[in-house]
Amino acid sequence: MRFGRNRAAGPSDGYGPGGPAGEHRPGGPAGGRRFGGLAGGRRFGGLAGGRRFGGLLRQRRFRLLWIGETVSQLGNAMAVVGVPLVAVIVLHASTFVVGVLTAAG
């Protein structure tokens, strides 16, 4: 399964000692880049540099999940208001029927 262009090479991708083609990437499984490709194996720079803001919002899969959940919650909120409103306006439902619809939903 392909997860995207920037997926780091890992033990299951066929590269490295004992891979299916016997290939070996120089510098280890990440192609010589340790810890996300930052020089010297450091994850973050000092306080003034090196760290990028955005966190999870930089991840495409997280953004898709977040947008999907947001749309789902908006749909749920509209249903909570919309179903009783339609029952009252279109069906001329009584207060009891609106209460039953709200409890069932």
N, C-alpha and C. Protein backbone atom coordinates (compact mmCIF):
# COMPACT_ATOMS: atom_id res chain seq x y z
N MET A 1 0.85 -1.18 0.00
CA MET A 1 0.00 0.00 0.00
C MET A 1 0.88 1.23 0.00
N ARG A 2 0.56 2.19 -0.81
CA ARG A 2 1.36 3.40 -0.91
C ARG A 2 0.76 4.49 -0.04
N PHE A 3 1.61 5.12 0.78
CA PHE A 3 1.14 6.15 1.71
C PHE A 3 1.50 7.55 1.26
N GLY A 4 2.14 7.71 0.16
CA GLY A 4 2.49 9.04 -0.30
C GLY A 4 3.92 9.11 -0.77
N ARG A 5 4.27 10.21 -1.37
CA ARG A 5 5.58 10.39 -1.94
C ARG A 5 6.68 10.48 -0.89
N ASN A 6 6.41 11.08 0.24
CA ASN A 6 7.45 11.37 1.22
C ASN A 6 7.57 10.31 2.31
N ARG A 7 7.04 9.14 2.06
CA ARG A 7 7.13 8.08 3.06
C ARG A 7 8.58 7.64 3.20
N ALA A 8 9.08 7.60 4.43
CA ALA A 8 10.46 7.20 4.66
C ALA A 8 10.59 5.70 4.43
N ALA A 9 11.74 5.31 3.95
CA ALA A 9 11.99 3.90 3.71
C ALA A 9 12.08 3.18 5.04
N GLY A 10 11.54 2.01 5.10
CA GLY A 10 11.55 1.24 6.33
C GLY A 10 11.97 -0.18 6.07
N PRO A 11 11.96 -1.02 7.10
CA PRO A 11 12.42 -2.38 6.94
C PRO A 11 11.55 -3.21 5.99
N SER A 12 10.30 -2.82 5.78
CA SER A 12 9.42 -3.64 4.96
C SER A 12 9.35 -3.18 3.51
N ASP A 13 10.18 -2.20 3.10
CA ASP A 13 10.06 -1.68 1.74
C ASP A 13 10.99 -2.37 0.76
N GLY A 14 11.76 -3.35 1.19
CA GLY A 14 12.60 -4.09 0.28
C GLY A 14 14.01 -3.56 0.16
N TYR A 15 14.34 -2.47 0.79
CA TYR A 15 15.69 -1.94 0.76
C TYR A 15 16.42 -2.37 2.01
N GLY A 16 17.69 -2.49 1.89
CA GLY A 16 18.50 -2.87 3.04
C GLY A 16 19.05 -4.26 2.86
N PRO A 17 19.90 -4.70 3.79
CA PRO A 17 20.49 -6.03 3.68
C PRO A 17 19.40 -7.10 3.69
N GLY A 18 19.50 -8.03 2.79
CA GLY A 18 18.55 -9.12 2.76
C GLY A 18 17.26 -8.77 2.05
N GLY A 19 17.18 -7.62 1.39
CA GLY A 19 15.99 -7.25 0.64
C GLY A 19 15.80 -8.16 -0.55
N PRO A 20 14.65 -8.10 -1.21
CA PRO A 20 14.39 -9.03 -2.30
C PRO A 20 15.38 -8.91 -3.45
N ALA A 21 15.89 -7.71 -3.73
CA ALA A 21 16.84 -7.53 -4.81
C ALA A 21 18.27 -7.48 -4.29
N GLY A 22 18.45 -7.63 -2.99
CA GLY A 22 19.78 -7.54 -2.40
C GLY A 22 20.34 -6.14 -2.41
N GLU A 23 19.48 -5.13 -2.56
CA GLU A 23 19.93 -3.75 -2.62
C GLU A 23 20.18 -3.22 -1.22
N HIS A 24 21.04 -2.25 -1.15
CA HIS A 24 21.32 -1.60 0.13
C HIS A 24 21.50 -0.11 -0.12
N ARG A 25 20.74 0.71 0.57
CA ARG A 25 20.88 2.15 0.43
C ARG A 25 22.04 2.62 1.29
N PRO A 26 22.89 3.48 0.74
CA PRO A 26 24.01 3.97 1.56
C PRO A 26 23.49 4.84 2.70
N GLY A 27 24.09 4.64 3.85
CA GLY A 27 23.74 5.47 4.99
C GLY A 27 22.58 4.93 5.79
N GLY A 28 22.11 3.75 5.51
CA GLY A 28 21.03 3.16 6.29
C GLY A 28 19.72 3.19 5.55
N PRO A 29 18.65 2.73 6.19
CA PRO A 29 17.36 2.59 5.51
C PRO A 29 16.72 3.90 5.10
N ALA A 30 17.13 5.02 5.69
CA ALA A 30 16.52 6.30 5.34
C ALA A 30 17.33 7.04 4.29
N GLY A 31 18.23 6.34 3.59
CA GLY A 31 18.99 6.98 2.53
C GLY A 31 19.99 8.01 3.04
N GLY A 32 20.55 7.80 4.23
CA GLY A 32 21.54 8.73 4.76
C GLY A 32 20.92 9.86 5.57
N ARG A 33 19.61 9.95 5.63
CA ARG A 33 18.96 11.01 6.39
C ARG A 33 18.44 10.42 7.69
N ARG A 34 18.95 10.89 8.78
CA ARG A 34 18.48 10.41 10.07
C ARG A 34 17.48 11.40 10.65
N PHE A 35 16.45 10.91 11.27
CA PHE A 35 15.46 11.73 11.96
C PHE A 35 14.84 12.76 11.02
N GLY A 36 14.27 12.30 9.94
CA GLY A 36 13.54 13.18 9.06
C GLY A 36 14.41 14.03 8.15
N GLY A 37 15.68 13.67 8.01
CA GLY A 37 16.54 14.36 7.07
C GLY A 37 17.24 15.58 7.62
N LEU A 38 17.15 15.83 8.91
CA LEU A 38 17.84 16.99 9.47
C LEU A 38 19.29 16.64 9.72
N ALA A 39 20.19 17.56 9.46
CA ALA A 39 21.62 17.31 9.56
C ALA A 39 22.02 16.97 10.98
N GLY A 40 22.96 16.05 11.09
CA GLY A 40 23.53 15.73 12.39
C GLY A 40 22.61 14.90 13.27
N GLY A 41 21.50 14.42 12.76
CA GLY A 41 20.61 13.60 13.55
C GLY A 41 19.81 14.38 14.57
N ARG A 42 19.80 15.71 14.49
CA ARG A 42 19.04 16.52 15.44
C ARG A 42 17.61 16.65 14.95
N ARG A 43 16.69 16.63 15.87
CA ARG A 43 15.29 16.75 15.50
C ARG A 43 14.87 18.20 15.36
N PHE A 44 15.25 19.03 16.28
CA PHE A 44 14.88 20.45 16.24
C PHE A 44 16.11 21.29 16.48
N GLY A 45 16.10 22.49 15.96
CA GLY A 45 17.20 23.42 16.20
C GLY A 45 17.02 24.08 17.55
N GLY A 46 17.73 25.18 17.74
CA GLY A 46 17.60 25.92 18.98
C GLY A 46 16.27 26.65 19.04
N LEU A 47 16.13 27.55 19.97
CA LEU A 47 14.88 28.28 20.11
C LEU A 47 14.59 29.17 18.91
N ALA A 48 15.64 29.68 18.26
CA ALA A 48 15.43 30.64 17.18
C ALA A 48 15.22 30.00 15.82
N GLY A 49 15.62 28.75 15.62
CA GLY A 49 15.52 28.22 14.27
C GLY A 49 15.31 26.72 14.24
N GLY A 50 14.97 26.25 13.04
CA GLY A 50 14.85 24.83 12.83
C GLY A 50 13.47 24.27 13.03
N ARG A 51 12.67 24.83 13.86
CA ARG A 51 11.36 24.26 14.16
C ARG A 51 10.30 24.93 13.30
N ARG A 52 9.51 24.10 12.64
CA ARG A 52 8.44 24.62 11.81
C ARG A 52 7.12 24.50 12.55
N PHE A 53 6.28 25.50 12.37
CA PHE A 53 5.00 25.51 13.04
C PHE A 53 3.95 24.84 12.18
N GLY A 54 2.88 24.41 12.76
CA GLY A 54 1.80 23.79 12.03
C GLY A 54 1.46 22.43 12.60
N GLY A 55 2.45 21.72 13.09
CA GLY A 55 2.24 20.43 13.72
C GLY A 55 1.46 19.47 12.85
N LEU A 56 0.36 18.97 13.40
CA LEU A 56 -0.44 17.96 12.70
C LEU A 56 -1.11 18.50 11.45
N LEU A 57 -1.35 19.79 11.38
CA LEU A 57 -2.02 20.33 10.19
C LEU A 57 -1.14 20.24 8.94
N ARG A 58 0.14 19.96 9.10
CA ARG A 58 1.00 19.75 7.94
C ARG A 58 0.81 18.35 7.36
N GLN A 59 0.20 17.44 8.11
CA GLN A 59 0.00 16.07 7.65
C GLN A 59 -1.30 15.97 6.87
N ARG A 60 -1.21 15.52 5.62
CA ARG A 60 -2.37 15.45 4.73
C ARG A 60 -3.45 14.53 5.29
N ARG A 61 -3.05 13.38 5.80
CA ARG A 61 -4.04 12.42 6.30
C ARG A 61 -4.78 12.97 7.52
N PHE A 62 -4.08 13.71 8.38
CA PHE A 62 -4.74 14.31 9.53
C PHE A 62 -5.73 15.38 9.08
N ARG A 63 -5.33 16.20 8.09
CA ARG A 63 -6.24 17.24 7.58
C ARG A 63 -7.49 16.61 7.00
N LEU A 64 -7.35 15.52 6.25
CA LEU A 64 -8.52 14.84 5.70
C LEU A 64 -9.42 14.31 6.81
N LEU A 65 -8.83 13.73 7.84
CA LEU A 65 -9.61 13.24 8.98
C LEU A 65 -10.33 14.39 9.67
N TRP A 66 -9.63 15.49 9.90
CA TRP A 66 -10.21 16.63 10.59
C TRP A 66 -11.36 17.24 9.80
N ILE A 67 -11.18 17.38 8.49
CA ILE A 67 -12.24 17.94 7.65
C ILE A 67 -13.44 17.00 7.63
N GLY A 68 -13.20 15.71 7.52
CA GLY A 68 -14.30 14.74 7.52
C GLY A 68 -15.08 14.76 8.82
N GLU A 69 -14.37 14.81 9.94
CA GLU A 69 -15.05 14.87 11.24
C GLU A 69 -15.84 16.16 11.41
N THR A 70 -15.29 17.27 10.90
CA THR A 70 -15.98 18.56 10.99
C THR A 70 -17.28 18.53 10.20
N VAL A 71 -17.23 18.01 8.98
CA VAL A 71 -18.43 17.91 8.15
C VAL A 71 -19.46 16.98 8.81
N SER A 72 -18.98 15.89 9.40
CA SER A 72 -19.88 14.97 10.09
C SER A 72 -20.59 15.64 11.26
N GLN A 73 -19.84 16.40 12.06
CA GLN A 73 -20.44 17.07 13.21
C GLN A 73 -21.42 18.16 12.78
N LEU A 74 -21.11 18.86 11.69
CA LEU A 74 -22.06 19.86 11.17
C LEU A 74 -23.35 19.18 10.72
N GLY A 75 -23.24 18.04 10.06
CA GLY A 75 -24.41 17.30 9.63
C GLY A 75 -25.25 16.83 10.81
N ASN A 76 -24.60 16.36 11.86
CA ASN A 76 -25.32 15.93 13.06
C ASN A 76 -26.05 17.11 13.71
N ALA A 77 -25.39 18.25 13.79
CA ALA A 77 -26.02 19.42 14.40
C ALA A 77 -27.22 19.89 13.58
N MET A 78 -27.09 19.84 12.26
CA MET A 78 -28.22 20.23 11.41
C MET A 78 -29.38 19.25 11.55
N ALA A 79 -29.08 17.97 11.72
CA ALA A 79 -30.14 16.98 11.88
C ALA A 79 -30.88 17.16 13.20
N VAL A 80 -30.14 17.51 14.26
CA VAL A 80 -30.78 17.71 15.56
C VAL A 80 -31.78 18.86 15.50
N VAL A 81 -31.45 19.90 14.76
CA VAL A 81 -32.36 21.05 14.63
C VAL A 81 -33.37 20.82 13.52
N GLY A 82 -32.92 20.24 12.41
CA GLY A 82 -33.75 20.15 11.21
C GLY A 82 -34.90 19.18 11.28
N VAL A 83 -34.71 18.01 11.86
CA VAL A 83 -35.78 17.01 11.89
C VAL A 83 -37.00 17.50 12.68
N PRO A 84 -36.83 18.00 13.89
CA PRO A 84 -38.02 18.53 14.58
C PRO A 84 -38.64 19.73 13.87
N LEU A 85 -37.80 20.58 13.27
CA LEU A 85 -38.31 21.74 12.56
C LEU A 85 -39.15 21.33 11.35
N VAL A 86 -38.68 20.34 10.59
CA VAL A 86 -39.45 19.84 9.45
C VAL A 86 -40.74 19.19 9.93
N ALA A 87 -40.67 18.48 11.05
CA ALA A 87 -41.87 17.84 11.58
C ALA A 87 -42.93 18.88 11.94
N VAL A 88 -42.51 19.99 12.52
CA VAL A 88 -43.46 21.02 12.91
C VAL A 88 -44.00 21.75 11.69
N ILE A 89 -43.13 22.13 10.77
CA ILE A 89 -43.55 22.95 9.63
C ILE A 89 -44.33 22.15 8.59
N VAL A 90 -43.82 21.01 8.20
CA VAL A 90 -44.43 20.25 7.11
C VAL A 90 -45.56 19.35 7.60
N LEU A 91 -45.31 18.63 8.70
CA LEU A 91 -46.29 17.65 9.17
C LEU A 91 -47.25 18.22 10.21
N HIS A 92 -47.02 19.44 10.66
CA HIS A 92 -47.83 20.06 11.71
C HIS A 92 -47.91 19.15 12.94
N ALA A 93 -46.73 18.67 13.34
CA ALA A 93 -46.65 17.73 14.46
C ALA A 93 -46.89 18.44 15.79
N SER A 94 -47.39 17.67 16.74
CA SER A 94 -47.62 18.22 18.08
C SER A 94 -46.32 18.22 18.88
N THR A 95 -46.38 18.82 20.04
CA THR A 95 -45.22 18.88 20.91
C THR A 95 -44.78 17.48 21.31
N PHE A 96 -45.73 16.60 21.57
CA PHE A 96 -45.42 15.22 21.96
C PHE A 96 -44.67 14.50 20.84
N VAL A 97 -45.13 14.65 19.61
CA VAL A 97 -44.48 13.98 18.47
C VAL A 97 -43.07 14.52 18.26
N VAL A 98 -42.88 15.82 18.41
CA VAL A 98 -41.54 16.41 18.29
C VAL A 98 -40.65 15.87 19.38
N GLY A 99 -41.16 15.72 20.59
CA GLY A 99 -40.37 15.13 21.68
C GLY A 99 -39.98 13.70 21.39
N VAL A 100 -40.90 12.92 20.82
CA VAL A 100 -40.60 11.53 20.47
C VAL A 100 -39.53 11.48 19.38
N LEU A 101 -39.63 12.35 18.37
CA LEU A 101 -38.64 12.40 17.31
C LEU A 101 -37.26 12.77 17.86
N THR A 102 -37.24 13.73 18.78
CA THR A 102 -35.97 14.16 19.36
C THR A 102 -35.37 13.04 20.20
N ALA A 103 -36.19 12.32 20.96
CA ALA A 103 -35.69 11.22 21.78
C ALA A 103 -35.20 10.06 20.91
N ALA A 104 -35.85 9.82 19.78
CA ALA A 104 -35.46 8.71 18.92
C ALA A 104 -34.19 9.02 18.13
N GLY A 105 -33.95 10.30 17.90
CA GLY A 105 -32.80 10.70 17.07
C GLY A 105 -31.56 10.72 17.82
